[in-house]
Protein backbone atom coordinates (compact mmCIF):
# COMPACT_ATOMS: atom_id res chain seq x y z
CA UNK A 1 -9.75 -1.14 25.87
CA UNK A 2 -6.42 -0.85 27.60
CA UNK A 3 -6.11 2.75 28.80
CA UNK A 4 -2.40 2.80 29.60
CA UNK A 5 0.71 1.19 28.20
CA UNK A 6 3.89 0.71 30.25
CA UNK A 7 6.28 3.57 29.47
CA UNK A 8 9.27 1.23 29.49
CA UNK A 9 7.65 -0.62 26.57
CA UNK A 10 7.60 2.57 24.49
CA UNK A 11 11.24 3.21 25.32
CA UNK A 12 12.22 -0.35 24.35
CA UNK A 13 10.35 0.03 21.07
CA UNK A 14 11.95 3.37 20.17
CA UNK A 15 15.42 2.08 21.04
CA UNK A 16 14.80 -0.99 18.84
CA UNK A 17 15.04 -3.39 21.79
CA UNK A 18 11.41 -4.60 21.89
CA UNK A 19 10.57 -8.23 21.20
CA UNK A 20 8.04 -9.21 18.52
CA UNK A 21 5.43 -9.73 21.25
CA UNK A 22 6.14 -6.32 22.78
CA UNK A 23 5.93 -4.63 19.36
CA UNK A 24 2.54 -6.22 18.71
CA UNK A 25 1.27 -5.17 22.13
CA UNK A 26 2.32 -1.55 21.55
CA UNK A 27 1.00 -1.39 17.98
CA UNK A 28 -2.35 -2.82 19.08
CA UNK A 29 -2.56 -0.21 21.84
CA UNK A 30 -1.78 2.65 19.45
CA UNK A 31 -4.42 1.41 16.98
CA UNK A 32 -7.12 1.14 19.67
CA UNK A 33 -7.86 4.83 20.06
CA UNK A 34 -6.97 8.21 18.57
CA UNK A 35 -5.81 9.43 21.98
CA UNK A 36 -3.32 6.56 22.16
CA UNK A 37 -1.92 7.50 18.76
CA UNK A 38 -1.61 11.12 19.86
CA UNK A 39 0.19 10.08 23.05
CA UNK A 40 2.62 7.95 21.08
CA UNK A 41 3.35 10.84 18.70
CA UNK A 42 4.24 12.96 21.73
CA UNK A 43 6.75 10.30 22.74
CA UNK A 44 8.19 10.35 19.22
CA UNK A 45 8.61 14.11 19.47
CA UNK A 46 10.43 13.71 22.77
CA UNK A 47 12.62 10.96 21.32
CA UNK A 48 13.66 13.07 18.35
CA UNK A 49 14.21 16.20 20.42
CA UNK A 50 17.84 17.29 20.34
CA UNK A 51 18.00 18.79 23.79
CA UNK A 52 21.27 18.30 25.74
CA UNK A 53 21.50 15.28 27.94
CA UNK A 54 20.33 16.03 31.47
CA UNK A 55 22.19 15.04 34.58
CA UNK A 56 21.95 11.41 35.64
CA UNK A 57 18.63 10.79 37.40
CA UNK A 58 18.92 10.72 41.20
CA UNK A 59 16.09 8.40 42.09
CA UNK A 60 17.32 7.99 45.66
CA UNK A 61 17.02 11.77 46.12
CA UNK A 62 13.50 11.67 44.69
CA UNK A 63 12.67 8.87 47.11
CA UNK A 64 14.02 10.89 50.05
CA UNK A 65 11.84 13.80 48.96
CA UNK A 66 8.88 11.47 48.84
CA UNK A 67 9.62 10.18 52.36
CA UNK A 68 9.97 13.77 53.62
CA UNK A 69 6.63 14.56 52.05
CA UNK A 70 5.03 11.62 53.85
CA UNK A 71 6.68 12.61 57.17
CA UNK A 72 5.35 16.14 56.82
CA UNK A 73 1.95 14.76 56.15
CA UNK A 74 2.03 12.52 59.23
CA UNK A 75 3.27 15.37 61.44
CA UNK A 76 0.60 17.72 60.19
CA UNK A 77 -2.05 15.05 60.53
CA UNK A 78 -1.30 14.79 64.23
CA UNK A 79 -1.87 18.54 64.56
CA UNK A 80 -4.91 18.71 62.39
CA UNK A 81 -6.39 15.77 60.55
CA UNK A 82 -8.31 17.97 58.13
CA UNK A 83 -5.33 19.44 56.26
CA UNK A 84 -4.94 16.57 53.80
CA UNK A 85 -7.14 13.79 52.59
CA UNK A 86 -5.82 10.41 51.61
CA UNK A 87 -6.76 11.32 48.04
CA UNK A 88 -4.41 14.31 48.09
CA UNK A 89 -1.64 12.19 49.58
CA UNK A 90 -2.07 9.61 46.83
CA UNK A 91 -1.95 12.37 44.23
CA UNK A 92 1.21 13.77 45.83
CA UNK A 93 2.89 10.36 45.75
CA UNK A 94 1.84 9.88 42.13
CA UNK A 95 3.43 13.20 41.15
CA UNK A 96 6.78 12.15 42.62
CA UNK A 97 6.64 8.71 41.04
CA UNK A 98 5.82 10.11 37.59
CA UNK A 99 8.59 12.70 37.98
CA UNK A 100 11.08 9.97 38.86
CA UNK A 101 10.03 7.85 35.89
CA UNK A 102 10.21 10.84 33.53
CA UNK A 103 13.73 11.70 34.70
CA UNK A 104 14.81 8.10 34.22
CA UNK A 105 13.30 7.81 30.74
CA UNK A 106 14.75 11.13 29.60
CA UNK A 107 18.13 9.92 30.73
CA UNK A 108 17.64 6.71 28.74
CA UNK A 109 16.49 8.77 25.75
CA UNK A 110 19.53 11.03 25.84
CA UNK A 111 21.82 8.04 26.17
CA UNK A 112 20.22 6.53 23.06
CA UNK A 113 20.58 9.80 21.14
CA UNK A 114 24.29 9.87 21.92
CA UNK A 115 24.83 6.46 20.29
CA UNK A 116 26.53 6.69 16.92
CA UNK A 117 24.75 5.00 14.04
CA UNK A 118 27.02 2.51 12.30
CA UNK A 119 26.39 2.00 8.58
CA UNK A 120 27.12 -0.95 6.34
CA UNK A 121 27.45 -0.68 2.57
CA UNK A 122 27.15 -3.57 0.13
CA UNK A 123 27.92 -3.31 -3.59
CA UNK A 124 27.37 -5.75 -6.43
CA UNK A 125 29.46 -6.18 -9.56
CA UNK A 126 28.29 -6.91 -13.12
CA UNK A 127 26.14 -10.03 -13.34
CA UNK A 128 25.92 -10.35 -9.53
CA UNK A 129 22.83 -10.30 -7.33
CA UNK A 130 22.73 -10.54 -3.55
CA UNK A 131 20.05 -10.69 -0.84
CA UNK A 132 20.38 -8.50 2.27
CA UNK A 133 18.36 -8.96 5.48
CA UNK A 134 18.07 -5.76 7.51
CA UNK A 135 17.84 -5.52 11.31
CA UNK A 136 14.05 -5.04 11.24
CA UNK A 137 13.54 -8.23 9.22
CA UNK A 138 13.10 -6.47 5.86
CA UNK A 139 14.78 -8.13 2.87
CA UNK A 140 16.46 -6.35 -0.05
CA UNK A 141 17.46 -8.09 -3.27
CA UNK A 142 20.22 -6.04 -4.89
CA UNK A 143 20.63 -6.19 -8.67
CA UNK A 144 23.94 -6.06 -10.53
CA UNK A 145 26.06 -2.88 -10.37
CA UNK A 146 24.09 -1.54 -7.40
CA UNK A 147 24.92 -0.34 -3.91
CA UNK A 148 22.93 -0.17 -0.66
CA UNK A 149 23.98 1.77 2.44
CA UNK A 150 22.04 0.92 5.61
CA UNK A 151 22.38 1.07 9.44
CA UNK A 152 23.48 -2.07 11.22
CA UNK A 153 20.55 -1.39 13.57
CA UNK A 154 17.62 0.95 12.92
CA UNK A 155 17.14 3.52 15.70
CA UNK A 156 14.41 6.05 16.41
CA UNK A 157 11.15 6.17 14.48
CA UNK A 158 12.51 6.17 10.90
CA UNK A 159 14.17 3.38 8.95
CA UNK A 160 16.36 4.97 6.28
CA UNK A 161 18.61 3.43 3.61
CA UNK A 162 20.48 4.82 0.59
CA UNK A 163 20.35 3.13 -2.82
CA UNK A 164 22.33 3.45 -6.03
CA UNK A 165 21.20 1.20 -8.88
CA UNK A 166 18.30 -1.26 -8.72
CA UNK A 167 16.82 -3.30 -5.86
CA UNK A 168 13.63 -5.08 -4.85
CA UNK A 169 12.41 -4.38 -1.30
CA UNK A 170 10.20 -6.54 0.91
CA UNK A 171 9.59 -4.29 3.90
CA UNK A 172 8.60 -5.61 7.32
CA UNK A 173 5.38 -3.88 8.37
CA UNK A 174 5.76 -1.28 11.11
CA UNK A 175 3.01 1.35 11.08
CA UNK A 176 4.90 3.56 13.55
CA UNK A 177 8.28 3.63 11.77
CA UNK A 178 8.20 4.43 8.04
CA UNK A 179 10.86 2.93 5.79
CA UNK A 180 12.56 5.50 3.53
CA UNK A 181 14.79 4.77 0.51
CA UNK A 182 16.92 7.69 -0.62
CA UNK A 183 18.06 7.77 -4.24
CA UNK A 184 19.73 11.16 -4.62
CA UNK A 185 17.12 13.93 -4.36
CA UNK A 186 14.29 11.40 -4.73
CA UNK A 187 12.83 9.37 -1.84
CA UNK A 188 10.42 6.47 -1.44
CA UNK A 189 8.36 6.13 1.77
CA UNK A 190 6.59 2.94 2.89
CA UNK A 191 5.25 1.27 6.04
CA UNK A 192 5.19 -2.35 4.91
CA UNK A 193 5.06 -3.47 1.29
CA UNK A 194 7.04 -4.90 -1.64
CA UNK A 195 8.27 -2.84 -4.57
CA UNK A 196 11.13 -2.29 -7.00
CA UNK A 197 13.35 0.79 -7.24
CA UNK A 198 15.41 1.29 -10.39
CA UNK A 199 17.86 4.19 -10.24
CA UNK A 200 20.37 2.97 -12.81
CA UNK A 201 20.04 5.75 -15.37
CA UNK A 202 18.73 9.28 -15.76
CA UNK A 203 15.26 8.08 -14.73
CA UNK A 204 14.23 6.67 -11.37
CA UNK A 205 11.41 4.13 -11.60
CA UNK A 206 9.45 2.82 -8.59
CA UNK A 207 7.11 -0.11 -9.28
CA UNK A 208 4.77 -1.48 -6.58
CA UNK A 209 4.06 -5.19 -6.21
CA UNK A 210 2.02 -5.01 -2.97
CA UNK A 211 0.89 -2.46 -0.39
CA UNK A 212 1.07 1.31 -0.75
CA UNK A 213 4.11 3.44 -1.56
CA UNK A 214 4.62 7.20 -1.38
CA UNK A 215 7.31 8.81 -3.52
CA UNK A 216 8.59 12.34 -2.97
CA UNK A 217 10.78 14.86 -4.71
CA UNK A 218 10.92 18.27 -3.12
CA UNK A 219 7.33 19.35 -2.42
CA UNK A 220 5.80 16.97 -4.96
CA UNK A 221 4.33 13.65 -3.83
CA UNK A 222 2.68 10.67 -5.55
CA UNK A 223 0.98 7.67 -3.93
CA UNK A 224 1.28 4.31 -5.69
CA UNK A 225 -0.85 1.17 -5.35
CA UNK A 226 -0.07 -2.37 -6.59
CA UNK A 227 0.75 -2.60 -10.33
CA UNK A 228 1.42 1.12 -10.51
CA UNK A 229 4.74 2.83 -11.07
CA UNK A 230 6.18 6.31 -11.18
CA UNK A 231 8.91 7.48 -13.51
CA UNK A 232 10.99 10.43 -12.34
CA UNK A 233 13.30 12.33 -14.67
CA UNK A 234 16.41 13.78 -13.03
CA UNK A 235 16.76 16.18 -15.98
CA UNK A 236 13.22 17.63 -16.02
CA UNK A 237 12.35 17.02 -12.31
CA UNK A 238 8.98 15.64 -13.46
CA UNK A 239 7.18 12.61 -11.99
CA UNK A 240 4.76 10.61 -14.15
CA UNK A 241 2.52 7.83 -12.80
CA UNK A 242 1.89 4.86 -15.12
CA UNK A 243 0.55 1.33 -15.17
CA UNK A 244 3.34 -1.09 -14.22
CA UNK A 245 4.19 -4.26 -16.14
CA UNK A 246 5.44 -6.24 -13.16
CA UNK A 247 6.59 -9.19 -15.25
CA UNK A 248 8.96 -6.90 -17.10
CA UNK A 249 9.89 -4.68 -14.15
CA UNK A 250 10.75 -7.65 -11.91
CA UNK A 251 12.14 -10.00 -14.55
CA UNK A 252 15.70 -9.45 -13.33
CA UNK A 253 14.83 -11.18 -10.05
CA UNK A 254 14.30 -14.39 -12.05
CA UNK A 255 17.46 -13.95 -14.14
CA UNK A 256 15.38 -12.95 -17.16
CA UNK A 257 16.00 -10.20 -19.72
CA UNK A 258 12.86 -8.82 -21.37
CA UNK A 259 12.86 -6.35 -24.26
CA UNK A 260 9.58 -5.04 -25.73
CA UNK A 261 10.15 -2.67 -28.64
CA UNK A 262 13.21 -1.46 -26.78
CA UNK A 263 15.72 0.81 -28.48
CA UNK A 264 19.17 -0.74 -28.79
CA UNK A 265 20.62 2.27 -27.01
CA UNK A 266 18.59 1.30 -23.91
CA UNK A 267 18.95 -2.45 -24.34
CA UNK A 268 22.74 -2.11 -24.51
CA UNK A 269 22.79 -0.68 -20.96
CA UNK A 270 20.95 -3.75 -19.69
CA UNK A 271 23.34 -6.02 -21.55
CA UNK A 272 26.33 -4.21 -20.05
CA UNK A 273 24.87 -4.51 -16.54
CA UNK A 274 23.84 -8.14 -17.03
CA UNK A 275 27.00 -9.55 -18.61
CA UNK A 276 29.72 -7.16 -17.46
CA UNK A 277 30.68 -6.03 -20.96
CA UNK A 278 31.02 -2.74 -22.85
CA UNK A 279 28.82 -2.13 -25.91
CA UNK A 280 29.83 0.31 -28.66
CA UNK A 281 28.01 1.38 -31.85
CA UNK A 282 29.61 1.88 -35.22
CA UNK A 283 27.06 4.58 -36.05
CA UNK A 284 24.18 6.42 -34.37
CA UNK A 285 21.52 4.82 -36.59
CA UNK A 286 22.06 1.45 -34.90
CA UNK A 287 20.92 2.90 -31.57
CA UNK A 288 17.45 3.56 -33.04
CA UNK A 289 16.75 -0.10 -33.86
CA UNK A 290 13.95 -1.69 -31.79
CA UNK A 291 14.23 -5.20 -30.39
CA UNK A 292 11.82 -7.59 -28.68
CA UNK A 293 12.78 -10.76 -26.87
CA UNK A 294 12.79 -12.73 -23.62
CA UNK A 295 15.99 -14.42 -22.44
CA UNK A 296 16.19 -16.51 -19.28
CA UNK A 297 19.69 -17.56 -18.17
CA UNK A 298 20.92 -17.25 -21.76
CA UNK A 299 24.62 -16.72 -22.59
CA UNK A 300 25.45 -13.41 -24.23
CA UNK A 301 26.16 -14.88 -27.67
CA UNK A 302 22.58 -16.25 -27.81
CA UNK A 303 21.19 -12.81 -27.04
CA UNK A 304 23.40 -11.17 -29.68
CA UNK A 305 22.44 -13.76 -32.28
CA UNK A 306 18.74 -13.04 -31.69
CA UNK A 307 19.32 -9.29 -31.98
CA UNK A 308 21.29 -9.75 -35.19
CA UNK A 309 18.58 -11.97 -36.70
CA UNK A 310 15.75 -9.51 -35.96
CA UNK A 311 17.53 -6.29 -36.96
CA UNK A 312 20.19 -7.27 -39.47
CA UNK A 313 22.83 -5.70 -37.24
CA UNK A 314 26.18 -7.50 -37.05
CA UNK A 315 28.34 -7.80 -33.96
CA UNK A 316 31.95 -8.42 -33.03
CA UNK A 317 33.23 -9.56 -29.62
CA UNK A 318 36.72 -8.55 -28.52
CA UNK A 319 37.50 -9.54 -24.94
CA UNK A 320 34.87 -7.66 -22.91
CA UNK A 321 33.88 -5.25 -25.67
CA UNK A 322 30.98 -5.79 -28.10
CA UNK A 323 30.87 -3.72 -31.26
CA UNK A 324 27.60 -3.44 -33.18
CA UNK A 325 27.88 -2.48 -36.84
CA UNK A 326 25.72 -2.35 -39.95
CA UNK A 327 23.21 -0.07 -41.65
CA UNK A 328 21.12 0.69 -38.60
CA UNK A 329 17.52 1.89 -38.43
CA UNK A 330 15.66 5.12 -39.16
């Protein structure tokens, strides 16, 4: 077991400058022993501390002090060789060296804290999907009418992004830096996994494809495993865990629309998002009609024809507006 890890390696990791090999070396060291994990957490605390930046480290002054210390030792040794042992001298030298390293690292830490985080925001329009690769190697597939705000480079021990709409995340594993997706007052926390976040309406739905995901709202927390999902209502502030139908939840990634006994009021929102149109209803009863169907890369008129056939509802297309009319459903 490796007892110590070079301090400069920890600093490089926390400042997001470590290579893949250096990251693996540090993560292996942390996982070796509980004391290593504790030591690393102490470094994280130091890194996140908001103390003012100290003066620039004067290593030459520290070295002069060290030389003075050695001179004093040599002078005293001539007078009486029993005052110090070589062990005490070594300990004295070690104290000065550690102090010098600590001053240097704290200076580096403060310099990193003073760096401004630069954010990038990408937004999709109706019918558009894009793939975004983040600085840590994680990949985000953004659905239509969605927006993702993220740092150009992740710093510190948290990776945080801000999502509006729907996206599928494939997060690069990093057990020391959790990945957090903020969707309003709701947040999703992961270490390395793949999952879908849908925040397009009044409900926020998180569905897990692989790994483990923790979702939080206020003081409430739920842990999700593969093929599980949580549905959070912005109106009631209630989270409900359910079994996830991943084929349906992730169908949009394969350009597929899936409806399973879906009310037309809900299906119309998907159609608007998918095709960039506006859907209106001649009467409220039409919204209650249920539809079922699977459409892969189908034009909108094919989808509307299928809906009309199964429900008896008629439709009219005027430019980018679709009007549904007819008797409706109970």
